Amino acid sequence: MSAGRVILIVLGSIGVLFGLALLAGGGFLLWADRTQREDGYLTTPTERFATPTYALTRTRLEVDTDGARWVLNDSWFGKVRIRGERVGGKTLFMGIGPEAAVAKYLGPVAHANVEDIDFDPFRVTYLPVTGGAPQGPPTEQRFWAASASGVGTQTLTWKVRDGDWSVVLMNADGSRGVAADIDLGAKLSFLLWVAIGLLIGGVLVVGGSTALIVLSARTRQPQPAPPTPPAAGHGSGSASAPEPPDRSTEEPPPSSTLSS
């Protein structure tokens, strides 16, 4: 096998692996889009978030569409939903506000910032920030872009906009000790089309790469040699019958005379 064929087989094998990865990604997104939606929102499992301090925050939420504002609509990435239920009898507050305003309000306040979240298995990494009590309850602040508070399950819905944002969970009265069961949802209508595109691309890549491997590995059959004509005087049936003598060249026998 030539070196060129070996290279083509290696490239085809890499293509098959890449195509299988596309198929796996498309299958996962299709499964998530079909099974993990609720009221049109792609929703995470409900998990408990808790801190002994005055607030839970998630900062540095940067939204920058680079001028493509058409992305931020209900057909693509339009809304975010946060649902929470306070553990215990206190009233829960949830809010989304500009990062600078939230930092000014909670900068001197003891709180915990959510640094990282893993859902399988669920694990939260908090960054504790030392400080004192807030100057006033969160319900009295006017900088919130969206907020919800009350007893029982609360739902905060926010239309996504460009900017730097922070999410805040507190007790509505600003007291210490926050614990709530939270799930997050987002309207990602484009997810289905991304999944279909990955599946189609995976099928094409796998099919093309497989064909490349098969064609490169195929062994060409040698051309059959042309038949050799049999040599004269050799082999069975090659002997020819001897030619009859040419009687025209033979002298006639002498004639005999009969005497009377």
C-alpha atoms as a PDB file:
ATOM      1  CA  MET A   1       0.000   0.000   0.000  1.00  0.00           C
ATOM      2  CA  SER A   2       1.384   3.365  -1.000  1.00  0.00           C
ATOM      3  CA  ALA A   3       2.060   6.194   1.449  1.00  0.00           C
ATOM      4  CA  GLY A   4      -0.666   8.303  -0.183  1.00  0.00           C
ATOM      5  CA  ARG A   5      -3.300   5.674   0.565  1.00  0.00           C
ATOM      6  CA  VAL A   6      -2.177   5.395   4.183  1.00  0.00           C
ATOM      7  CA  ILE A   7      -2.517   9.178   4.609  1.00  0.00           C
ATOM      8  CA  LEU A   8      -6.009   9.132   3.105  1.00  0.00           C
ATOM      9  CA  ILE A   9      -7.074   6.307   5.432  1.00  0.00           C
ATOM     10  CA  VAL A  10      -5.758   8.234   8.471  1.00  0.00           C
ATOM     11  CA  LEU A  11      -7.574  11.399   7.369  1.00  0.00           C
ATOM     12  CA  GLY A  12     -10.763   9.402   6.812  1.00  0.00           C
ATOM     13  CA  SER A  13     -10.524   7.877  10.286  1.00  0.00           C
ATOM     14  CA  ILE A  14     -10.131  11.320  11.841  1.00  0.00           C
ATOM     15  CA  GLY A  15     -13.136  12.487   9.839  1.00  0.00           C
ATOM     16  CA  VAL A  16     -15.249   9.582  11.120  1.00  0.00           C
ATOM     17  CA  LEU A  17     -14.375  10.442  14.728  1.00  0.00           C
ATOM     18  CA  PHE A  18     -15.211  14.115  14.134  1.00  0.00           C
ATOM     19  CA  GLY A  19     -18.516  13.164  12.503  1.00  0.00           C
ATOM     20  CA  LEU A  20     -19.418  10.906  15.434  1.00  0.00           C
ATOM     21  CA  ALA A  21     -18.703  13.806  17.809  1.00  0.00           C
ATOM     22  CA  LEU A  22     -21.081  15.999  15.782  1.00  0.00           C
ATOM     23  CA  LEU A  23     -23.747  13.299  15.945  1.00  0.00           C
ATOM     24  CA  ALA A  24     -23.319  12.952  19.710  1.00  0.00           C
ATOM     25  CA  GLY A  25     -23.543  16.717  20.251  1.00  0.00           C
ATOM     26  CA  GLY A  26     -26.592  17.042  18.025  1.00  0.00           C
ATOM     27  CA  GLY A  27     -28.283  14.107  19.745  1.00  0.00           C
ATOM     28  CA  PHE A  28     -27.679  15.599  23.185  1.00  0.00           C
ATOM     29  CA  LEU A  29     -29.024  19.018  22.182  1.00  0.00           C
ATOM     30  CA  LEU A  30     -32.066  17.410  20.586  1.00  0.00           C
ATOM     31  CA  TRP A  31     -32.703  15.375  23.749  1.00  0.00           C
ATOM     32  CA  ALA A  32     -32.360  18.484  25.919  1.00  0.00           C
ATOM     33  CA  ASP A  33     -34.659  20.526  23.674  1.00  0.00           C
ATOM     34  CA  ARG A  34     -37.358  17.839  23.618  1.00  0.00           C
ATOM     35  CA  THR A  35     -37.260  16.692  27.260  1.00  0.00           C
ATOM     36  CA  GLN A  36     -35.945  19.542  29.432  1.00  0.00           C
ATOM     37  CA  ARG A  37     -38.398  22.283  28.496  1.00  0.00           C
ATOM     38  CA  GLU A  38     -41.175  23.663  30.665  1.00  0.00           C
ATOM     39  CA  ASP A  39     -43.517  26.342  29.336  1.00  0.00           C
ATOM     40  CA  GLY A  40     -41.011  26.974  26.546  1.00  0.00           C
ATOM     41  CA  TYR A  41     -38.060  27.411  28.921  1.00  0.00           C
ATOM     42  CA  LEU A  42     -35.084  25.084  28.920  1.00  0.00           C
ATOM     43  CA  THR A  43     -34.985  24.412  32.671  1.00  0.00           C
ATOM     44  CA  THR A  44     -32.368  23.119  35.096  1.00  0.00           C
ATOM     45  CA  PRO A  45     -33.194  20.780  37.984  1.00  0.00           C
ATOM     46  CA  THR A  46     -34.264  22.434  41.237  1.00  0.00           C
ATOM     47  CA  GLU A  47     -31.355  22.709  43.667  1.00  0.00           C
ATOM     48  CA  ARG A  48     -30.787  24.348  47.046  1.00  0.00           C
ATOM     49  CA  PHE A  49     -28.639  27.459  47.433  1.00  0.00           C
ATOM     50  CA  ALA A  50     -27.843  28.642  50.955  1.00  0.00           C
ATOM     51  CA  THR A  51     -25.568  31.001  52.856  1.00  0.00           C
ATOM     52  CA  PRO A  52     -25.424  32.119  56.519  1.00  0.00           C
ATOM     53  CA  THR A  53     -24.702  35.675  55.315  1.00  0.00           C
ATOM     54  CA  TYR A  54     -27.116  38.392  54.164  1.00  0.00           C
ATOM     55  CA  ALA A  55     -27.183  37.683  50.418  1.00  0.00           C
ATOM     56  CA  LEU A  56     -26.313  35.281  47.626  1.00  0.00           C
ATOM     57  CA  THR A  57     -25.028  36.845  44.415  1.00  0.00           C
ATOM     58  CA  ARG A  58     -23.917  35.810  40.957  1.00  0.00           C
ATOM     59  CA  THR A  59     -21.905  38.635  39.465  1.00  0.00           C
ATOM     60  CA  ARG A  60     -20.086  39.290  36.186  1.00  0.00           C
ATOM     61  CA  LEU A  61     -22.971  38.291  33.927  1.00  0.00           C
ATOM     62  CA  GLU A  62     -21.839  40.039  30.755  1.00  0.00           C
ATOM     63  CA  VAL A  63     -24.218  40.272  27.807  1.00  0.00           C
ATOM     64  CA  ASP A  64     -22.679  41.683  24.637  1.00  0.00           C
ATOM     65  CA  THR A  65     -24.351  40.994  21.294  1.00  0.00           C
ATOM     66  CA  ASP A  66     -21.848  43.194  19.431  1.00  0.00           C
ATOM     67  CA  GLY A  67     -24.651  45.138  17.791  1.00  0.00           C
ATOM     68  CA  ALA A  68     -26.685  42.057  16.801  1.00  0.00           C
ATOM     69  CA  ARG A  69     -29.709  43.019  18.867  1.00  0.00           C
ATOM     70  CA  TRP A  70     -31.940  40.705  16.791  1.00  0.00           C
ATOM     71  CA  VAL A  71     -30.486  37.839  18.854  1.00  0.00           C
ATOM     72  CA  LEU A  72     -32.238  39.117  21.992  1.00  0.00           C
ATOM     73  CA  ASN A  73     -35.805  38.174  21.140  1.00  0.00           C
ATOM     74  CA  ASP A  74     -38.223  35.382  21.900  1.00  0.00           C
ATOM     75  CA  SER A  75     -37.203  33.506  18.745  1.00  0.00           C
ATOM     76  CA  TRP A  76     -33.549  33.189  19.792  1.00  0.00           C
ATOM     77  CA  PHE A  77     -32.411  34.199  23.268  1.00  0.00           C
ATOM     78  CA  GLY A  78     -35.109  36.393  24.684  1.00  0.00           C
ATOM     79  CA  LYS A  79     -35.937  35.645  28.309  1.00  0.00           C
ATOM     80  CA  VAL A  80     -34.435  34.224  31.474  1.00  0.00           C
ATOM     81  CA  ARG A  81     -36.546  32.799  34.281  1.00  0.00           C
ATOM     82  CA  ILE A  82     -35.549  32.220  37.908  1.00  0.00           C
ATOM     83  CA  ARG A  83     -37.932  30.365  40.205  1.00  0.00           C
ATOM     84  CA  GLY A  84     -37.292  30.070  43.902  1.00  0.00           C
ATOM     85  CA  GLU A  85     -38.972  29.039  47.115  1.00  0.00           C
ATOM     86  CA  ARG A  86     -37.675  30.172  50.490  1.00  0.00           C
ATOM     87  CA  VAL A  87     -36.799  27.416  52.933  1.00  0.00           C
ATOM     88  CA  GLY A  88     -38.570  28.355  56.176  1.00  0.00           C
ATOM     89  CA  GLY A  89     -41.131  31.031  56.851  1.00  0.00           C
ATOM     90  CA  LYS A  90     -39.321  34.167  55.634  1.00  0.00           C
ATOM     91  CA  THR A  91     -40.133  36.093  52.476  1.00  0.00           C
ATOM     92  CA  LEU A  92     -37.743  35.535  49.577  1.00  0.00           C
ATOM     93  CA  PHE A  93     -36.415  38.307  47.337  1.00  0.00           C
ATOM     94  CA  MET A  94     -34.843  37.718  43.913  1.00  0.00           C
ATOM     95  CA  GLY A  95     -33.491  40.504  41.745  1.00  0.00           C
ATOM     96  CA  ILE A  96     -31.378  41.233  38.671  1.00  0.00           C
ATOM     97  CA  GLY A  97     -29.660  44.585  38.488  1.00  0.00           C
ATOM     98  CA  PRO A  98     -26.720  46.418  36.931  1.00  0.00           C
ATOM     99  CA  GLU A  99     -23.468  45.042  38.305  1.00  0.00           C
ATOM    100  CA  ALA A 100     -22.183  48.464  39.387  1.00  0.00           C
ATOM    101  CA  ALA A 101     -25.355  49.289  41.337  1.00  0.00           C
ATOM    102  CA  VAL A 102     -25.420  45.877  43.020  1.00  0.00           C
ATOM    103  CA  ALA A 103     -21.745  46.193  43.953  1.00  0.00           C
ATOM    104  CA  LYS A 104     -22.417  49.592  45.526  1.00  0.00           C
ATOM    105  CA  TYR A 105     -25.355  48.223  47.520  1.00  0.00           C
ATOM    106  CA  LEU A 106     -23.726  44.955  48.692  1.00  0.00           C
ATOM    107  CA  GLY A 107     -20.064  46.004  48.696  1.00  0.00           C
ATOM    108  CA  PRO A 108     -19.911  46.594  52.492  1.00  0.00           C
ATOM    109  CA  VAL A 109     -22.368  43.748  53.209  1.00  0.00           C
ATOM    110  CA  ALA A 110     -21.426  40.210  54.252  1.00  0.00           C
ATOM    111  CA  HIS A 111     -22.529  37.953  51.378  1.00  0.00           C
ATOM    112  CA  ALA A 112     -21.495  34.943  49.303  1.00  0.00           C
ATOM    113  CA  ASN A 113     -20.862  35.038  45.568  1.00  0.00           C
ATOM    114  CA  VAL A 114     -21.564  31.943  43.481  1.00  0.00           C
ATOM    115  CA  GLU A 115     -18.324  31.235  41.599  1.00  0.00           C
ATOM    116  CA  ASP A 116     -19.121  27.909  39.923  1.00  0.00           C
ATOM    117  CA  ILE A 117     -22.063  25.505  39.563  1.00  0.00           C
ATOM    118  CA  ASP A 118     -21.966  21.821  38.610  1.00  0.00           C
ATOM    119  CA  PHE A 119     -25.257  20.001  38.080  1.00  0.00           C
ATOM    120  CA  ASP A 120     -24.091  16.375  37.737  1.00  0.00           C
ATOM    121  CA  PRO A 121     -23.549  15.907  40.615  1.00  0.00           C
ATOM    122  CA  PHE A 122     -24.773  19.210  41.986  1.00  0.00           C
ATOM    123  CA  ARG A 123     -22.082  21.263  43.648  1.00  0.00           C
ATOM    124  CA  VAL A 124     -21.760  25.006  44.249  1.00  0.00           C
ATOM    125  CA  THR A 125     -18.549  26.905  44.909  1.00  0.00           C
ATOM    126  CA  TYR A 126     -19.078  30.062  46.976  1.00  0.00           C
ATOM    127  CA  LEU A 127     -16.716  32.973  47.499  1.00  0.00           C
ATOM    128  CA  PRO A 128     -17.456  34.501  50.935  1.00  0.00           C
ATOM    129  CA  VAL A 129     -17.199  38.286  51.292  1.00  0.00           C
ATOM    130  CA  THR A 130     -16.906  39.793  54.755  1.00  0.00           C
ATOM    131  CA  GLY A 131     -18.914  42.803  55.841  1.00  0.00           C
ATOM    132  CA  GLY A 132     -21.850  43.979  57.879  1.00  0.00           C
ATOM    133  CA  ALA A 133     -25.603  44.262  57.461  1.00  0.00           C
ATOM    134  CA  PRO A 134     -27.224  46.062  54.506  1.00  0.00           C
ATOM    135  CA  GLN A 135     -28.321  49.663  54.941  1.00  0.00           C
ATOM    136  CA  GLY A 136     -31.850  48.818  53.823  1.00  0.00           C
ATOM    137  CA  PRO A 137     -33.933  45.882  52.572  1.00  0.00           C
ATOM    138  CA  PRO A 138     -33.608  44.979  48.873  1.00  0.00           C
ATOM    139  CA  THR A 139     -37.258  45.737  48.197  1.00  0.00           C
ATOM    140  CA  GLU A 140     -36.556  49.461  48.790  1.00  0.00           C
ATOM    141  CA  GLN A 141     -33.839  49.678  46.122  1.00  0.00           C
ATOM    142  CA  ARG A 142     -34.760  51.231  42.767  1.00  0.00           C
ATOM    143  CA  PHE A 143     -32.028  49.909  40.475  1.00  0.00           C
ATOM    144  CA  TRP A 144     -33.444  46.433  39.833  1.00  0.00           C
ATOM    145  CA  ALA A 145     -34.111  45.592  36.175  1.00  0.00           C
ATOM    146  CA  ALA A 146     -36.395  42.756  37.318  1.00  0.00           C
ATOM    147  CA  SER A 147     -37.348  41.460  40.748  1.00  0.00           C
ATOM    148  CA  ALA A 148     -39.807  39.220  42.592  1.00  0.00           C
ATOM    149  CA  SER A 149     -40.544  38.736  46.279  1.00  0.00           C
ATOM    150  CA  GLY A 150     -43.107  36.989  48.431  1.00  0.00           C
ATOM    151  CA  VAL A 151     -43.933  33.825  50.338  1.00  0.00           C
ATOM    152  CA  GLY A 152     -43.977  30.524  48.520  1.00  0.00           C
ATOM    153  CA  THR A 153     -42.687  29.944  44.995  1.00  0.00           C
ATOM    154  CA  GLN A 154     -41.595  33.171  43.315  1.00  0.00           C
ATOM    155  CA  THR A 155     -40.895  33.604  39.596  1.00  0.00           C
ATOM    156  CA  LEU A 156     -38.595  36.262  38.183  1.00  0.00           C
ATOM    157  CA  THR A 157     -38.714  36.796  34.398  1.00  0.00           C
ATOM    158  CA  TRP A 158     -36.156  39.047  32.736  1.00  0.00           C
ATOM    159  CA  LYS A 159     -35.848  40.158  29.127  1.00  0.00           C
ATOM    160  CA  VAL A 160     -32.159  39.880  28.388  1.00  0.00           C
ATOM    161  CA  ARG A 161     -30.392  43.140  27.539  1.00  0.00           C
ATOM    162  CA  ASP A 162     -26.825  44.156  26.788  1.00  0.00           C
ATOM    163  CA  GLY A 163     -24.748  45.117  29.803  1.00  0.00           C
ATOM    164  CA  ASP A 164     -23.071  43.766  32.926  1.00  0.00           C
ATOM    165  CA  TRP A 165     -25.543  42.282  35.392  1.00  0.00           C
ATOM    166  CA  SER A 166     -25.743  40.590  38.784  1.00  0.00           C
ATOM    167  CA  VAL A 167     -28.320  38.201  40.256  1.00  0.00           C
ATOM    168  CA  VAL A 168     -29.191  38.592  43.962  1.00  0.00           C
ATOM    169  CA  LEU A 169     -31.043  36.351  46.422  1.00  0.00           C
ATOM    170  CA  MET A 170     -31.909  37.816  49.833  1.00  0.00           C
ATOM    171  CA  ASN A 171     -34.531  37.745  52.503  1.00  0.00           C
ATOM    172  CA  ALA A 172     -37.050  40.465  51.741  1.00  0.00           C
ATOM    173  CA  ASP A 173     -36.395  42.106  55.104  1.00  0.00           C
ATOM    174  CA  GLY A 174     -32.614  42.038  54.598  1.00  0.00           C
ATOM    175  CA  SER A 175     -31.977  39.632  57.480  1.00  0.00           C
ATOM    176  CA  ARG A 176     -29.139  37.136  57.767  1.00  0.00           C
ATOM    177  CA  GLY A 177     -29.402  33.526  56.601  1.00  0.00           C
ATOM    178  CA  VAL A 178     -30.619  32.902  53.037  1.00  0.00           C
ATOM    179  CA  ALA A 179     -31.722  29.465  51.796  1.00  0.00           C
ATOM    180  CA  ALA A 180     -33.903  28.743  48.762  1.00  0.00           C
ATOM    181  CA  ASP A 181     -34.664  26.012  46.253  1.00  0.00           C
ATOM    182  CA  ILE A 182     -33.903  27.461  42.832  1.00  0.00           C
ATOM    183  CA  ASP A 183     -34.255  26.428  39.198  1.00  0.00           C
ATOM    184  CA  LEU A 184     -33.077  28.426  36.184  1.00  0.00           C
ATOM    185  CA  GLY A 185     -34.697  28.573  32.761  1.00  0.00           C
ATOM    186  CA  ALA A 186     -33.992  30.261  29.445  1.00  0.00           C
ATOM    187  CA  LYS A 187     -35.832  30.503  26.139  1.00  0.00           C
ATOM    188  CA  LEU A 188     -33.383  29.102  23.612  1.00  0.00           C
ATOM    189  CA  SER A 189     -35.559  28.650  20.545  1.00  0.00           C
ATOM    190  CA  PHE A 190     -32.563  28.213  18.250  1.00  0.00           C
ATOM    191  CA  LEU A 191     -31.430  25.071  20.074  1.00  0.00           C
ATOM    192  CA  LEU A 192     -33.531  22.767  17.895  1.00  0.00           C
ATOM    193  CA  TRP A 193     -32.021  24.161  14.687  1.00  0.00           C
ATOM    194  CA  VAL A 194     -28.505  23.834  16.073  1.00  0.00           C
ATOM    195  CA  ALA A 195     -29.218  20.196  16.951  1.00  0.00           C
ATOM    196  CA  ILE A 196     -30.589  19.446  13.471  1.00  0.00           C
ATOM    197  CA  GLY A 197     -27.606  21.137  11.839  1.00  0.00           C
ATOM    198  CA  LEU A 198     -25.157  19.098  13.901  1.00  0.00           C
ATOM    199  CA  LEU A 199     -26.959  15.847  13.076  1.00  0.00           C
ATOM    200  CA  ILE A 200     -26.994  16.565   9.330  1.00  0.00           C
ATOM    201  CA  GLY A 201     -23.366  17.638   9.388  1.00  0.00           C
ATOM    202  CA  GLY A 202     -22.389  14.529  11.345  1.00  0.00           C
ATOM    203  CA  VAL A 203     -24.114  12.225   8.851  1.00  0.00           C
ATOM    204  CA  LEU A 204     -22.397  13.913   5.903  1.00  0.00           C
ATOM    205  CA  VAL A 205     -18.959  13.867   7.528  1.00  0.00           C
ATOM    206  CA  VAL A 206     -19.229  10.224   8.612  1.00  0.00           C
ATOM    207  CA  GLY A 207     -20.513   9.141   5.201  1.00  0.00           C
ATOM    208  CA  GLY A 208     -17.829  11.011   3.269  1.00  0.00           C
ATOM    209  CA  SER A 209     -15.023   9.869   5.559  1.00  0.00           C
ATOM    210  CA  THR A 210     -16.170   6.246   5.404  1.00  0.00           C
ATOM    211  CA  ALA A 211     -16.246   6.375   1.605  1.00  0.00           C
ATOM    212  CA  LEU A 212     -12.720   7.818   1.611  1.00  0.00           C
ATOM    213  CA  ILE A 213     -11.454   4.954   3.783  1.00  0.00           C
ATOM    214  CA  VAL A 214     -13.138   2.285   1.641  1.00  0.00           C
ATOM    215  CA  LEU A 215     -11.843   3.703  -1.634  1.00  0.00           C
ATOM    216  CA  SER A 216      -8.335   4.161  -0.263  1.00  0.00           C
ATOM    217  CA  ALA A 217      -8.142   0.653   1.211  1.00  0.00           C
ATOM    218  CA  ARG A 218      -9.505  -1.117  -1.864  1.00  0.00           C
ATOM    219  CA  THR A 219      -6.833  -3.250  -3.612  1.00  0.00           C
ATOM    220  CA  ARG A 220      -6.762  -2.874  -7.360  1.00  0.00           C
ATOM    221  CA  GLN A 221      -7.062  -6.170  -9.234  1.00  0.00           C
ATOM    222  CA  PRO A 222      -4.146  -6.765 -11.649  1.00  0.00           C
ATOM    223  CA  GLN A 223      -5.039  -6.627 -15.339  1.00  0.00           C
ATOM    224  CA  PRO A 224      -5.177 -10.114 -16.895  1.00  0.00           C
ATOM    225  CA  ALA A 225      -2.325 -10.847 -19.335  1.00  0.00           C
ATOM    226  CA  PRO A 226      -3.320 -11.103 -23.005  1.00  0.00           C
ATOM    227  CA  PRO A 227      -3.501 -14.728 -24.297  1.00  0.00           C
ATOM    228  CA  THR A 228      -0.323 -15.982 -25.980  1.00  0.00           C
ATOM    229  CA  PRO A 229      -0.850 -17.628 -29.411  1.00  0.00           C
ATOM    230  CA  PRO A 230       0.386 -21.239 -29.468  1.00  0.00           C
ATOM    231  CA  ALA A 231       3.727 -21.840 -31.166  1.00  0.00           C
ATOM    232  CA  ALA A 232       3.736 -23.878 -34.455  1.00  0.00           C
ATOM    233  CA  GLY A 233       4.637 -27.511 -34.060  1.00  0.00           C
ATOM    234  CA  HIS A 234       4.186 -27.578 -30.299  1.00  0.00           C
ATOM    235  CA  GLY A 235       1.320 -28.889 -28.262  1.00  0.00           C
ATOM    236  CA  SER A 236      -1.514 -31.188 -29.037  1.00  0.00           C
ATOM    237  CA  GLY A 237      -3.153 -30.743 -32.409  1.00  0.00           C
ATOM    238  CA  SER A 238      -0.295 -28.626 -33.656  1.00  0.00           C
ATOM    239  CA  ALA A 239       1.004 -31.103 -36.220  1.00  0.00           C
ATOM    240  CA  SER A 240      -0.320 -30.510 -39.731  1.00  0.00           C
ATOM    241  CA  ALA A 241      -0.960 -33.231 -42.264  1.00  0.00           C
ATOM    242  CA  PRO A 242       1.834 -33.601 -44.893  1.00  0.00           C
ATOM    243  CA  GLU A 243       1.066 -32.096 -48.263  1.00  0.00           C
ATOM    244  CA  PRO A 244       0.455 -34.590 -51.068  1.00  0.00           C
ATOM    245  CA  PRO A 245       3.231 -34.722 -53.620  1.00  0.00           C
ATOM    246  CA  ASP A 246       2.853 -32.695 -56.750  1.00  0.00           C
ATOM    247  CA  ARG A 247       2.243 -35.382 -59.365  1.00  0.00           C
ATOM    248  CA  SER A 248       2.601 -32.925 -62.187  1.00  0.00           C
ATOM    249  CA  THR A 249       6.335 -32.805 -61.690  1.00  0.00           C
ATOM    250  CA  GLU A 250       6.852 -36.566 -61.612  1.00  0.00           C
ATOM    251  CA  GLU A 251       8.100 -38.195 -64.813  1.00  0.00           C
ATOM    252  CA  PRO A 252       5.699 -40.685 -66.331  1.00  0.00           C
ATOM    253  CA  PRO A 253       6.869 -44.282 -66.243  1.00  0.00           C
ATOM    254  CA  PRO A 254       8.415 -45.620 -69.511  1.00  0.00           C
ATOM    255  CA  SER A 255       5.822 -47.169 -71.780  1.00  0.00           C
ATOM    256  CA  SER A 256       6.388 -50.770 -72.913  1.00  0.00           C
ATOM    257  CA  THR A 257       5.788 -51.874 -76.571  1.00  0.00           C
ATOM    258  CA  LEU A 258       4.189 -55.130 -77.370  1.00  0.00           C
ATOM    259  CA  SER A 259       5.616 -57.086 -80.266  1.00  0.00           C
ATOM    260  CA  SER A 260       3.367 -58.771 -82.516  1.00  0.00           C
END
